[in-house]
Protein backbone atom coordinates (compact mmCIF):
# COMPACT_ATOMS: atom_id res chain seq x y z
CA MET A 1 137.99 143.03 109.69
CA TYR A 2 134.71 142.44 110.46
CA PHE A 3 133.98 146.37 109.24
CA VAL A 4 135.53 145.81 106.16
CA ILE A 5 133.63 142.52 105.25
CA SER A 6 130.17 144.50 106.36
CA ALA A 7 130.80 147.18 103.84
CA MET A 8 132.17 145.25 101.47
CA LYS A 9 128.69 142.82 101.56
CA ALA A 10 126.47 146.24 101.66
CA GLN A 11 128.32 146.92 98.14
CA ILE A 12 127.83 143.44 96.37
CA GLU A 13 124.17 144.21 96.62
CA ILE A 14 124.67 147.07 93.47
CA ILE A 15 125.26 143.56 91.48
CA PRO A 16 122.08 142.44 90.21
CA CYS A 17 120.61 138.71 90.95
CA LYS A 18 122.95 136.52 88.81
CA ILE A 19 119.74 134.20 88.46
CA CYS A 20 116.96 136.03 87.51
CA GLY A 21 118.45 139.92 87.36
CA ASP A 22 116.90 141.56 90.27
CA LYS A 23 118.18 143.39 93.22
CA SER A 24 120.59 140.95 95.06
CA SER A 25 121.17 141.04 98.71
CA GLY A 26 124.44 139.65 98.77
CA ILE A 27 126.03 135.85 98.77
CA HIS A 28 123.89 133.13 99.26
CA TYR A 29 125.39 129.45 98.43
CA GLY A 30 128.52 130.93 96.92
CA VAL A 31 126.36 133.05 94.27
CA ILE A 32 125.17 136.67 94.33
CA THR A 33 121.48 135.99 94.31
CA CYS A 34 118.20 138.23 95.50
CA GLU A 35 116.25 136.57 98.33
CA GLY A 36 113.93 135.08 96.08
CA CYS A 37 116.67 133.05 94.63
CA LYS A 38 118.34 132.27 97.25
CA GLY A 39 114.85 131.08 99.26
CA PHE A 40 114.02 129.14 96.30
CA PHE A 41 117.48 127.15 96.15
CA ARG A 42 117.12 126.28 99.81
CA ARG A 43 113.87 124.76 99.43
CA SER A 44 115.27 122.69 96.27
CA GLN A 45 117.67 121.58 98.43
CA GLN A 46 116.02 120.55 101.37
CA SER A 47 113.06 118.92 99.69
CA ASN A 48 115.35 117.00 97.33
CA ALA A 49 113.05 118.22 94.53
CA ALA A 50 112.98 116.68 90.81
CA TYR A 51 111.38 119.21 88.71
CA SER A 52 110.63 119.14 85.06
CA CYS A 53 110.46 121.50 82.54
CA PRO A 54 107.11 121.61 80.07
CA ARG A 55 108.96 123.21 77.67
CA GLN A 56 112.46 122.71 75.42
CA LYS A 57 114.52 122.81 79.15
CA ASN A 58 115.69 125.82 77.64
CA CYS A 59 113.66 128.62 79.46
CA VAL A 60 114.74 132.27 79.92
CA ILE A 61 114.99 133.27 83.67
CA ASP A 62 114.28 136.52 84.51
CA ARG A 63 112.67 138.58 87.08
CA THR A 64 108.90 138.22 85.22
CA SER A 65 109.23 134.46 84.18
CA ARG A 66 111.37 132.77 87.43
CA ASN A 67 108.15 131.23 88.56
CA ARG A 68 107.31 129.95 85.24
CA CYS A 69 109.84 126.46 85.14
CA GLN A 70 111.49 125.57 88.37
CA HIS A 71 113.52 123.05 86.22
CA CYS A 72 115.40 125.67 84.57
CA ARG A 73 115.41 128.17 87.25
CA LEU A 74 117.22 125.26 89.19
CA GLN A 75 119.50 124.25 86.48
CA LYS A 76 120.51 128.05 86.33
CA CYS A 77 121.51 128.26 89.91
CA LEU A 78 123.81 125.00 89.28
CA THR A 79 124.84 126.49 86.26
CA VAL A 80 126.10 130.00 87.77
CA GLY A 81 127.46 127.81 91.00
CA MET A 82 125.27 127.90 94.05
CA SER A 83 125.79 125.13 96.14
CA ARG A 84 125.23 124.36 99.97
CA ASP A 85 128.82 123.15 100.46
CA ALA A 86 129.59 126.84 99.03
CA VAL A 87 132.42 129.41 101.44
CA LYS A 88 130.86 132.51 102.47
CA PHE A 89 132.62 135.82 101.28
CA GLY A 90 134.81 136.26 105.07
CA ARG A 91 136.17 132.47 103.68
CA MET A 92 137.12 133.78 100.14
CA SER A 93 140.12 134.09 99.29
CA LYS A 94 142.37 137.71 98.39
CA LYS A 95 142.03 136.78 94.35
CA GLN A 96 138.33 136.04 94.66
CA ARG A 97 137.47 139.17 96.90
CA ASP A 98 139.72 141.52 94.08
CA SER A 99 137.74 140.23 91.50
CA LEU A 100 134.04 140.35 93.51
CA TYR A 101 135.56 143.68 94.42
CA ALA A 102 136.31 144.76 90.46
CA GLU A 103 132.75 143.71 89.34
CA VAL A 104 131.20 146.15 92.19
CA GLN A 105 133.20 148.68 90.73
CA LYS A 106 132.29 147.81 87.16
CA HIS A 107 128.60 147.90 88.25
CA ARG A 108 128.96 151.12 89.96
CA LEU A 109 130.47 152.91 86.81
CA GLN A 110 127.48 151.79 84.87
CA GLN A 111 124.98 153.26 87.35
CA GLN A 112 126.85 156.32 87.52
CA GLN A 113 126.85 156.62 83.63
CA GLN A 114 123.03 155.41 83.45
CA GLN A 115 122.34 158.37 86.07
CA GLN A 116 124.35 160.53 83.80
CA GLN A 117 122.33 159.66 80.82
CA GLN A 118 118.71 159.82 82.92
CA GLN A 119 119.66 163.78 83.74
CA GLN A 120 120.72 164.51 80.59
CA GLN A 121 117.08 162.87 79.48
CA GLN A 122 115.58 164.84 81.85
CA GLN A 123 116.77 167.91 80.68
CA GLN A 124 115.92 167.34 77.26
CA GLN A 125 112.44 166.45 78.36
CA GLN A 126 112.02 169.82 80.22
CA GLN A 127 112.85 170.98 77.04
CA GLN A 128 110.50 169.92 75.54
CA GLN A 129 107.45 169.98 77.75
CA GLY A 130 107.54 173.62 76.40
CA GLN A 131 106.74 172.42 72.50
CA ALA A 132 104.40 169.44 74.27
CA ALA A 133 102.37 172.50 76.03
CA SER A 134 101.29 173.84 72.66
CA ASN A 135 100.12 170.07 71.49
CA PRO A 136 96.65 169.40 72.95
CA LEU A 137 96.57 165.86 72.52
CA LEU A 138 100.19 165.47 74.48
CA HIS A 139 98.35 168.02 76.89
CA HIS A 140 95.09 166.59 77.37
CA SER A 141 95.59 162.66 77.39
CA HIS A 142 98.02 161.69 79.62
CA PRO A 143 100.09 164.49 80.84
CA SER A 144 102.10 162.36 82.81
CA LEU A 145 103.51 160.56 80.19
CA SER A 146 103.46 163.37 77.29
CA SER A 147 106.98 163.95 77.76
CA GLN A 148 107.92 160.46 77.43
CA MET A 149 106.15 159.99 74.06
CA LEU A 150 108.27 162.52 72.41
CA GLY A 151 111.72 160.47 73.87
CA GLU A 152 113.05 156.93 72.50
CA ALA A 153 111.76 154.28 73.68
CA ASP A 154 114.99 153.54 76.19
CA ALA A 155 113.67 156.65 78.12
CA LEU A 156 110.75 155.01 79.20
CA SER A 157 111.79 152.34 81.73
CA PRO A 158 113.00 154.99 84.18
CA HIS A 159 109.74 156.92 84.49
CA TYR A 160 107.68 153.31 85.03
CA SER A 161 110.09 151.57 88.14
CA LEU A 162 108.28 149.99 91.00
CA SER A 163 110.06 147.84 93.64
CA SER A 164 108.77 144.48 94.46
CA THR A 165 105.86 145.60 96.45
CA GLY A 166 105.87 149.49 95.52
CA LEU A 167 105.28 150.50 98.83
CA THR A 168 107.94 152.55 101.00
CA GLU A 169 106.92 154.40 104.67
CA LEU A 170 104.37 151.72 105.81
CA PRO A 171 102.31 152.29 108.49
CA ASP A 172 103.55 149.61 111.02
CA GLU A 173 100.58 147.60 110.82
CA LEU A 174 100.71 147.65 106.53
CA GLY A 175 104.13 147.47 106.58
CA GLY A 176 104.69 144.15 108.81
CA TYR A 177 101.57 142.97 106.45
CA MET A 178 103.36 143.62 103.40
CA ASP A 179 106.78 142.47 104.16
CA GLN A 180 105.32 138.97 105.36
CA GLN A 181 103.45 138.77 101.68
CA SER A 182 106.76 139.95 99.49
CA PRO A 183 107.47 137.48 96.45
CA GLU A 184 109.08 134.65 97.70
CA GLY A 185 109.73 135.18 101.21
CA GLY A 186 111.86 138.12 100.66
CA SER A 187 111.42 141.72 102.31
CA ALA A 188 109.65 144.59 101.14
CA LYS A 189 112.21 146.83 101.61
CA THR A 190 112.34 149.00 98.91
CA ASP A 191 115.73 151.25 98.20
CA SER A 192 115.13 154.78 99.17
CA SER A 193 117.99 156.25 97.06
CA GLY A 194 116.29 155.06 93.95
CA GLY A 195 118.59 152.50 92.66
CA GLY A 196 117.95 148.79 91.67
CA GLY A 197 115.41 148.13 94.77
CA ALA A 198 113.22 149.99 92.25
CA GLU A 199 113.13 147.09 89.58
CA GLY A 200 110.58 144.98 90.50
CA PHE A 201 107.72 145.72 88.04
CA TYR A 202 108.15 148.64 85.46
CA LEU A 203 106.20 149.40 81.91
CA ASN A 204 109.53 148.53 80.13
CA ILE A 205 108.81 149.68 75.94
CA GLN A 206 111.41 148.38 74.34
CA PRO A 207 112.01 145.65 71.92
CA SER A 208 112.25 141.99 73.15
CA PRO A 209 114.43 139.60 71.49
CA ASP A 210 113.62 138.15 68.60
CA GLN A 211 111.14 135.34 68.67
CA SER A 212 112.33 132.04 67.78
CA GLY A 213 110.78 128.66 66.51
CA LEU A 214 108.39 130.29 64.25
CA ASP A 215 107.57 128.03 61.57
CA ILE A 216 107.69 130.70 58.76
CA ASP A 217 110.19 128.57 56.17
CA GLY A 218 108.92 127.28 52.91
CA ILE A 219 105.90 129.19 52.90
CA LYS A 220 103.97 128.68 49.42
CA PRO A 221 101.55 131.16 47.96
CA GLU A 222 98.10 130.85 49.18
CA PRO A 223 94.81 133.05 48.25
CA LEU A 224 94.56 135.86 49.52
CA CYS A 225 91.57 136.94 52.10
CA ASP A 226 90.26 140.45 51.63
CA LEU A 227 89.68 142.04 54.87
CA GLY A 228 86.87 143.93 53.34
CA SER A 229 84.71 140.47 52.36
CA GLY A 230 81.65 139.05 53.74
CA ASN A 231 82.85 135.82 54.17
CA GLY A 232 81.62 135.53 57.66
CA PHE A 233 83.86 138.62 58.69
CA TYR A 234 82.41 140.29 61.40
CA PRO A 235 83.41 144.00 61.28
CA TYR A 236 83.78 145.48 64.55
CA CYS A 237 86.38 148.26 63.90
CA SER A 238 85.67 150.23 59.91
CA PHE A 239 88.68 151.49 58.30
CA SER A 240 88.38 155.17 58.06
CA SER A 241 88.72 154.64 53.90
CA GLY A 242 87.87 152.44 51.66
CA ASP A 243 91.41 152.32 50.45
CA MET A 244 92.82 151.24 53.67
CA SER A 245 91.38 148.07 53.72
CA PRO A 246 94.27 145.45 52.93
CA THR A 247 94.85 141.74 51.90
CA VAL A 248 96.28 139.29 53.87
CA SER A 249 97.13 135.60 52.91
CA MET A 250 96.37 132.70 54.89
CA ASP A 251 99.97 131.81 55.61
CA GLU A 252 100.07 135.20 56.78
CA LEU A 253 97.36 134.66 59.36
CA GLU A 254 98.91 131.38 60.48
CA HIS A 255 102.24 133.11 60.95
CA LEU A 256 100.36 135.58 63.16
CA ALA A 257 98.47 133.28 65.54
CA GLN A 258 101.58 131.92 65.98
CA ASN A 259 103.47 134.53 66.81
CA ILE A 260 100.60 135.66 69.27
CA SER A 261 100.00 132.21 71.01
CA LYS A 262 103.86 131.70 71.32
CA SER A 263 104.14 135.08 72.66
CA HIS A 264 100.90 134.11 74.91
CA MET A 265 102.46 131.20 76.40
CA GLU A 266 105.89 132.59 77.12
CA THR A 267 104.26 135.67 79.27
CA CYS A 268 101.40 133.68 81.09
CA GLN A 269 101.85 134.69 84.91
CA TYR A 270 100.87 130.88 85.83
CA LEU A 271 101.41 127.68 83.74
CA GLN A 272 98.00 125.72 83.22
CA GLU A 273 99.21 122.63 84.65
CA GLU A 274 100.33 124.35 87.84
CA LEU A 275 96.97 125.79 88.16
CA GLN A 276 95.54 122.65 87.85
CA GLN A 277 97.31 120.94 89.86
CA SER A 278 96.44 123.76 92.90
CA THR A 279 92.83 124.23 92.34
CA TRP A 280 92.37 122.10 95.14
CA GLN A 281 94.40 124.42 97.75
CA THR A 282 91.61 126.61 98.38
CA PHE A 283 91.36 129.11 101.59
CA LEU A 284 90.38 127.77 104.63
CA GLN A 285 87.48 129.65 106.74
CA ASP A 286 89.76 130.77 108.96
CA GLU A 287 92.11 132.22 106.41
CA VAL A 288 89.04 134.18 104.85
CA GLU A 289 88.10 135.79 107.82
CA CYS A 290 92.17 136.68 108.14
CA TYR A 291 91.49 138.37 105.13
CA GLN A 292 88.32 139.83 106.05
CA SER A 293 89.90 141.34 109.27
CA LYS A 294 92.44 143.24 107.50
CA PRO A 295 91.88 147.20 107.13
CA LYS A 296 90.43 148.13 104.24
CA GLU A 297 93.50 150.13 103.13
CA VAL A 298 95.80 147.13 103.54
CA MET A 299 94.08 144.87 100.99
CA TRP A 300 93.40 147.09 98.37
CA GLN A 301 96.89 147.48 98.46
CA LEU A 302 97.75 143.51 98.15
CA CYS A 303 95.35 143.75 95.56
CA ALA A 304 97.11 146.81 93.96
CA VAL A 305 100.44 144.96 93.77
CA LYS A 306 98.63 141.83 92.36
CA ILE A 307 96.84 143.61 89.70
CA THR A 308 100.01 145.46 88.71
CA GLU A 309 102.18 142.61 88.52
CA ALA A 310 99.41 140.49 85.92
CA ILE A 311 99.86 144.06 84.01
CA GLN A 312 103.57 143.76 83.77
CA TYR A 313 103.04 140.13 82.01
CA VAL A 314 100.37 141.99 79.84
CA VAL A 315 102.78 144.62 78.55
CA GLU A 316 105.63 141.80 77.89
CA PHE A 317 102.88 139.74 75.92
CA ALA A 318 101.99 143.60 73.67
CA LYS A 319 105.75 143.93 72.99
CA ARG A 320 105.96 140.27 71.61
CA ILE A 321 103.31 141.08 69.11
CA ASP A 322 103.71 141.50 65.53
CA GLY A 323 103.45 145.31 64.98
CA PHE A 324 102.95 146.37 68.21
CA MET A 325 106.30 147.68 68.61
CA GLU A 326 106.25 149.53 64.76
CA LEU A 327 103.53 151.71 66.56
CA CYS A 328 104.66 155.08 67.51
CA GLN A 329 105.01 155.29 71.04
CA ASN A 330 102.13 157.28 71.91
CA ASP A 331 100.04 154.95 70.57
CA GLN A 332 102.19 152.10 72.42
CA ILE A 333 101.00 153.72 75.83
CA VAL A 334 97.82 154.28 75.16
CA LEU A 335 96.54 150.90 73.93
CA LEU A 336 98.66 149.48 77.17
CA LYS A 337 96.85 152.21 79.46
CA ALA A 338 93.49 151.15 78.03
CA GLY A 339 93.68 147.88 77.59
CA SER A 340 95.94 146.02 79.92
CA LEU A 341 93.64 145.45 82.77
CA GLU A 342 90.84 144.35 80.31
CA VAL A 343 93.38 141.58 79.21
CA VAL A 344 94.24 140.67 83.19
CA PHE A 345 90.43 139.94 83.29
CA ILE A 346 90.58 138.08 80.21
CA ARG A 347 93.73 136.07 81.69
CA MET A 348 91.40 135.66 84.92
CA CYS A 349 89.44 132.75 83.38
CA ARG A 350 92.73 130.57 83.09
CA ALA A 351 93.01 130.77 86.94
CA PHE A 352 89.43 130.53 87.43
CA ASP A 353 87.42 127.06 88.84
CA THR A 354 83.87 126.96 87.87
CA GLN A 355 83.26 123.97 90.10
CA ASN A 356 83.55 126.38 93.42
CA ASN A 357 83.73 129.98 92.01
CA THR A 358 87.21 130.75 93.21
CA VAL A 359 89.80 132.13 91.52
CA TYR A 360 93.94 131.61 92.37
CA PHE A 361 94.64 134.98 94.06
CA ASP A 362 97.94 135.06 96.75
CA GLY A 363 98.62 131.22 96.87
CA LYS A 364 95.39 129.73 96.96
CA TYR A 365 92.46 129.48 95.19
CA ALA A 366 89.91 132.40 96.81
CA GLY A 367 86.11 132.81 96.78
CA PRO A 368 84.46 136.11 96.59
CA GLU A 369 84.14 136.48 100.01
CA VAL A 370 87.66 137.00 100.32
CA PHE A 371 87.81 140.46 99.11
CA LYS A 372 84.96 141.76 101.19
CA VAL A 373 86.69 144.31 103.34
CA LEU A 374 87.66 145.90 100.06
CA GLY A 375 83.88 147.03 99.97
CA CYS A 376 83.64 146.83 96.13
CA ASP A 377 81.19 143.96 95.95
CA ASP A 378 79.49 144.59 92.83
CA LEU A 379 83.13 144.87 91.06
CA ILE A 380 84.00 141.57 92.56
CA THR A 381 80.57 139.35 91.75
CA SER A 382 80.71 141.37 88.15
CA ALA A 383 84.38 140.18 87.76
CA TYR A 384 83.80 136.39 88.99
CA ASP A 385 80.92 136.56 86.67
CA PHE A 386 82.65 137.37 83.69
CA ALA A 387 85.33 134.65 84.29
CA LYS A 388 82.51 132.26 84.55
CA SER A 389 81.27 133.20 81.02
CA MET A 390 84.82 133.22 79.47
CA CYS A 391 85.07 129.81 80.85
CA SER A 392 81.81 128.70 79.49
CA LEU A 393 83.47 129.16 76.14
CA HIS A 394 85.74 126.75 76.55
CA LEU A 395 88.59 128.74 74.80
CA SER A 396 91.69 127.04 73.75
CA GLU A 397 94.94 128.72 74.75
CA ASP A 398 95.46 129.53 70.87
CA GLU A 399 91.64 131.44 70.99
CA LEU A 400 92.43 132.96 74.38
CA ALA A 401 95.99 134.51 72.89
CA LEU A 402 94.14 135.68 69.67
CA PHE A 403 91.25 136.92 71.39
CA SER A 404 93.49 138.78 74.11
CA ALA A 405 95.34 140.73 71.46
CA PHE A 406 92.44 141.96 69.85
CA ILE A 407 91.53 143.60 72.47
CA LEU A 408 94.93 145.26 73.48
CA LEU A 409 94.50 146.45 69.88
CA SER A 410 91.76 148.05 69.99
CA SER A 411 91.46 150.57 67.33
CA ASP A 412 88.77 152.95 68.89
CA ARG A 413 90.98 154.21 71.70
CA SER A 414 90.90 157.72 72.20
CA TRP A 415 93.82 160.20 72.01
CA LEU A 416 95.79 157.15 69.14
CA GLN A 417 97.60 159.55 66.88
CA GLU A 418 97.80 156.72 63.92
CA LYS A 419 94.38 154.81 64.32
CA SER A 420 94.82 153.42 60.95
CA LYS A 421 97.98 151.40 61.46
CA VAL A 422 96.25 150.29 64.77
CA GLU A 423 92.94 149.41 62.84
CA LYS A 424 94.94 147.19 60.30
CA LEU A 425 96.87 145.49 62.86
CA GLN A 426 93.35 145.08 64.94
CA GLN A 427 91.75 143.06 61.75
CA LYS A 428 94.49 141.08 60.97
CA THR A 429 94.54 139.70 64.46
CA GLN A 430 90.54 139.21 64.13
CA LEU A 431 90.86 137.55 61.09
CA ALA A 432 93.58 135.29 62.57
CA LEU A 433 91.04 134.58 65.32
CA GLN A 434 88.52 134.24 63.10
CA HIS A 435 90.67 131.31 61.60
CA MET A 436 91.66 129.74 64.54
CA LEU A 437 88.08 129.06 65.15
CA GLN A 438 87.19 127.66 61.82
CA LYS A 439 90.30 125.47 62.51
CA HIS A 440 89.23 124.23 65.39
CA GLN A 441 85.30 123.89 64.29
CA ARG A 442 84.02 126.39 66.46
CA GLY A 443 80.92 127.69 65.19
CA GLU A 444 80.71 131.40 64.04
CA GLU A 445 78.81 132.26 67.02
CA ILE A 446 81.62 132.02 69.67
CA LEU A 447 83.10 134.97 67.86
CA THR A 448 80.03 136.79 68.14
CA LYS A 449 80.16 136.27 71.36
CA LEU A 450 83.50 137.09 72.01
CA ILE A 451 82.98 140.79 70.24
CA CYS A 452 80.32 141.36 72.40
CA LYS A 453 82.41 140.60 75.50
CA VAL A 454 84.22 144.06 74.84
CA SER A 455 81.64 146.32 76.17
CA THR A 456 81.55 144.13 79.02
CA LEU A 457 85.04 144.41 79.26
CA ARG A 458 85.08 148.00 79.27
CA GLY A 459 81.80 148.17 82.00
CA LEU A 460 84.24 146.28 84.26
CA CYS A 461 87.25 148.46 83.63
CA SER A 462 85.08 151.73 84.20
CA ARG A 463 84.13 150.11 87.35
CA HIS A 464 87.08 149.63 88.44
CA THR A 465 88.13 153.40 87.70
CA GLU A 466 85.33 154.44 89.91
CA THR A 467 85.85 152.43 92.60
CA LEU A 468 89.44 153.15 92.78
CA SER A 469 88.41 156.95 93.02
CA ALA A 470 86.21 155.94 95.27
CA PHE A 471 88.78 154.60 98.05
CA ARG A 472 91.21 157.50 96.58
CA ALA A 473 88.92 160.26 97.75
CA VAL A 474 88.90 158.76 101.55
CA TYR A 475 92.59 156.97 101.16
CA PRO A 476 94.64 160.05 99.50
CA ASP A 477 97.72 159.59 101.51
CA ILE A 478 97.69 155.56 101.02
CA VAL A 479 97.44 155.64 97.50
CA ARG A 480 99.72 158.50 96.88
CA ALA A 481 102.44 156.94 98.86
CA HIS A 482 102.22 153.57 98.96
CA PHE A 483 100.42 152.26 95.40
CA PRO A 484 102.36 150.87 92.90
CA PRO A 485 103.68 153.78 90.67
CA LEU A 486 102.41 151.77 87.47
CA TYR A 487 99.10 150.99 88.85
CA LYS A 488 98.55 154.75 89.77
CA GLU A 489 99.83 155.32 86.21
CA LEU A 490 97.56 153.25 84.81
CA PHE A 491 94.55 153.85 86.79
CA GLY A 492 94.97 157.72 87.26
CA SER A 493 92.18 160.33 86.60
CA ASP A 494 94.09 162.08 84.17
CA PHE A 495 93.32 159.26 81.75
CA GLU A 496 90.25 159.21 80.03
CA VAL A 497 88.33 155.77 80.07
CA LEU A 498 85.93 155.46 77.68
CA PRO A 499 82.29 154.59 78.12
CA ALA A 500 81.14 151.12 78.07
CA ASP A 501 78.75 152.01 75.26
CA SER A 502 81.70 153.69 73.21
CA SER A 503 82.52 153.01 69.63
């Protein structure tokens, strides 16, 4: 009987977590959950916590959003039946075990079907690679993605999978550290079979659900605003031809601003209230020394994982921007590869405390000395200086959202196939940003300062790429075997990085 139960428990893990959809680790408190949701529920019961929801008490709880609203996460735990009094698997009735076994079989069948589909897609992509080799754009821009650009969006997600840490077969010291630091106390083990264990973060360019709550009813005609007019508009990216200049109504700008702001708030890694409550939690001197005493490669891996996690939120933000999913797949990937880290640097100002020059990192606020072992003091100092300069502009969340979208939709990226479509979308976003600044009675010099940040951002990202290249030259095996696949894909040497002063 013991072996039957043990075998069944192993099979249960094929069913994803009932709370967030992450890879489950078994039945906890009566429900199939991952280690993170198990730990969250345990802590909520031990402390008898009373959480509050800053929104409408209907937050979506999934892998990327589960840490943003504790109230809705706990309610979902209770709704699906989690309880301290729940019986364990071995004490379930035969009917309950049979039902569970049927669900296991269902997920196993789905997994087999997905694997068959992936094999068919890979075969199709291999056939298409011969065609792609003759296309200079696909051959020279980012060859590792060329076959994916030719397929449907659904085919992209399997190639951008990453476990919760992205680290496999680590040396003892590296493995032990990452196990301890894995999210929510869960183990950092990965699924060597390539199954559900590689689902923590992934570049999944599929349409997000339709956004609700946007006030687009009852729109009345308004005077049109010409993108080419000189009413205080700062043309950063010029159109390729005169007849490309569209007209945009004020209502359309309002709708776009509302869409981008809502998308930003729904995909922020941390709520502003949570960050403000945590500002007093800075690393103590002994904790700083602990980070400084870690091997260089350990700290690099930790930072790579944190950056990858932040980028996944940026990917979701991009998917929700009106018009982004209408761009061709090649251009979606180009924009994300070139701009995702820039948006991460912009969002850094949300988690930056100007009073003590610290940024939220790994659970507390950290000064630049925490990252000393990385060996890139210039990059760290520049990142902190940029965050401080962004904070000095005192941007609202709406303004920050629109600026992030403006950066992400930069139409001067190399290898864009439909540049004119990106240009139109970026200039609409810039007009929406300008309109928002005017509505908030901000001076026009704010927009000028923001546009001047473009070269600073590109310089930061170029320096990051150079620093990564230097690290990779010394630790090639560490980068190849233990860095997150998405991180390597975004910042690999095969992708051309525009110089900071390019136009």
